[in-house]
Amino acid sequence: LTGAGLPALFALGLRLLNPAPLPGRPATDRPTAGPLGRTLAGLIFAVVLAAIGWGVSVIVNHR
């Protein structure tokens, strides 16, 4: 789960920060991420960083 789940969560966070263009508009005219999207992306990135930190600590403290 963590092997494929963390990159998927990271991709979801990036997607929340970069919404799709509106229909009928050029791709360069993208809407900005709203406050909910930025908050959710920040929470997702925090979870990913926490998992990375946990993994490093497990590797370092393994005897």
C-alpha atoms as a PDB file:
ATOM      1  CA  LEU A   1       0.000   0.000   0.000  1.00  0.00           C
ATOM      2  CA  THR A   2       2.701   2.500   0.908  1.00  0.00           C
ATOM      3  CA  GLY A   3       4.784   1.610  -2.123  1.00  0.00           C
ATOM      4  CA  ALA A   4       2.131   2.744  -4.601  1.00  0.00           C
ATOM      5  CA  GLY A   5      -0.040   4.728  -2.209  1.00  0.00           C
ATOM      6  CA  LEU A   6       2.419   7.495  -1.340  1.00  0.00           C
ATOM      7  CA  PRO A   7       3.170   8.483  -4.947  1.00  0.00           C
ATOM      8  CA  ALA A   8      -0.569   8.355  -5.684  1.00  0.00           C
ATOM      9  CA  LEU A   9      -1.270  10.648  -2.715  1.00  0.00           C
ATOM     10  CA  PHE A  10       1.474  13.014  -3.852  1.00  0.00           C
ATOM     11  CA  ALA A  11      -0.030  13.099  -7.364  1.00  0.00           C
ATOM     12  CA  LEU A  12      -3.447  13.822  -5.886  1.00  0.00           C
ATOM     13  CA  GLY A  13      -1.977  16.723  -3.912  1.00  0.00           C
ATOM     14  CA  LEU A  14      -0.418  18.147  -7.074  1.00  0.00           C
ATOM     15  CA  ARG A  15      -3.713  17.738  -8.915  1.00  0.00           C
ATOM     16  CA  LEU A  16      -5.539  19.655  -6.186  1.00  0.00           C
ATOM     17  CA  LEU A  17      -3.070  22.518  -6.589  1.00  0.00           C
ATOM     18  CA  ASN A  18      -3.455  22.565 -10.387  1.00  0.00           C
ATOM     19  CA  PRO A  19      -7.127  22.180 -11.367  1.00  0.00           C
ATOM     20  CA  ALA A  20      -8.161  21.242 -14.902  1.00  0.00           C
ATOM     21  CA  PRO A  21      -8.969  24.018 -17.375  1.00  0.00           C
ATOM     22  CA  LEU A  22     -12.598  24.975 -17.769  1.00  0.00           C
ATOM     23  CA  PRO A  23     -14.425  23.540 -20.810  1.00  0.00           C
ATOM     24  CA  GLY A  24     -14.271  25.775 -23.844  1.00  0.00           C
ATOM     25  CA  ARG A  25     -11.278  27.711 -22.502  1.00  0.00           C
ATOM     26  CA  PRO A  26      -7.666  27.466 -23.683  1.00  0.00           C
ATOM     27  CA  ALA A  27      -5.355  25.253 -21.616  1.00  0.00           C
ATOM     28  CA  THR A  28      -3.366  28.321 -20.560  1.00  0.00           C
ATOM     29  CA  ASP A  29      -6.460  29.812 -18.882  1.00  0.00           C
ATOM     30  CA  ARG A  30      -6.505  27.552 -15.812  1.00  0.00           C
ATOM     31  CA  PRO A  31      -8.453  28.381 -12.678  1.00  0.00           C
ATOM     32  CA  THR A  32      -6.459  28.785  -9.479  1.00  0.00           C
ATOM     33  CA  ALA A  33      -6.756  26.333  -6.608  1.00  0.00           C
ATOM     34  CA  GLY A  34      -9.289  27.431  -4.035  1.00  0.00           C
ATOM     35  CA  PRO A  35      -8.671  27.486  -0.296  1.00  0.00           C
ATOM     36  CA  LEU A  36     -10.151  24.008   0.169  1.00  0.00           C
ATOM     37  CA  GLY A  37      -7.894  22.549  -2.518  1.00  0.00           C
ATOM     38  CA  ARG A  38      -4.811  24.192  -1.030  1.00  0.00           C
ATOM     39  CA  THR A  39      -5.727  22.968   2.458  1.00  0.00           C
ATOM     40  CA  LEU A  40      -6.321  19.400   1.301  1.00  0.00           C
ATOM     41  CA  ALA A  41      -3.106  19.438  -0.721  1.00  0.00           C
ATOM     42  CA  GLY A  42      -1.194  20.657   2.328  1.00  0.00           C
ATOM     43  CA  LEU A  43      -2.658  17.880   4.469  1.00  0.00           C
ATOM     44  CA  ILE A  44      -1.800  15.283   1.827  1.00  0.00           C
ATOM     45  CA  PHE A  45       1.775  16.565   1.564  1.00  0.00           C
ATOM     46  CA  ALA A  46       2.070  16.466   5.370  1.00  0.00           C
ATOM     47  CA  VAL A  47       0.954  12.817   5.393  1.00  0.00           C
ATOM     48  CA  VAL A  48       3.468  11.958   2.676  1.00  0.00           C
ATOM     49  CA  LEU A  49       6.286  13.730   4.543  1.00  0.00           C
ATOM     50  CA  ALA A  50       5.326  12.007   7.794  1.00  0.00           C
ATOM     51  CA  ALA A  51       5.404   8.608   6.070  1.00  0.00           C
ATOM     52  CA  ILE A  52       8.815   9.371   4.583  1.00  0.00           C
ATOM     53  CA  GLY A  53      10.121  10.452   8.000  1.00  0.00           C
ATOM     54  CA  TRP A  54       8.709   7.319   9.605  1.00  0.00           C
ATOM     55  CA  GLY A  55      10.329   5.149   6.948  1.00  0.00           C
ATOM     56  CA  VAL A  56      13.717   6.807   7.427  1.00  0.00           C
ATOM     57  CA  SER A  57      13.470   6.408  11.198  1.00  0.00           C
ATOM     58  CA  VAL A  58      12.644   2.703  10.820  1.00  0.00           C
ATOM     59  CA  ILE A  59      15.665   2.208   8.567  1.00  0.00           C
ATOM     60  CA  VAL A  60      18.019   4.160  10.836  1.00  0.00           C
ATOM     61  CA  ASN A  61      16.862   2.494  14.070  1.00  0.00           C
ATOM     62  CA  HIS A  62      16.756  -1.030  12.667  1.00  0.00           C
ATOM     63  CA  ARG A  63      19.235  -3.293  14.443  1.00  0.00           C
END
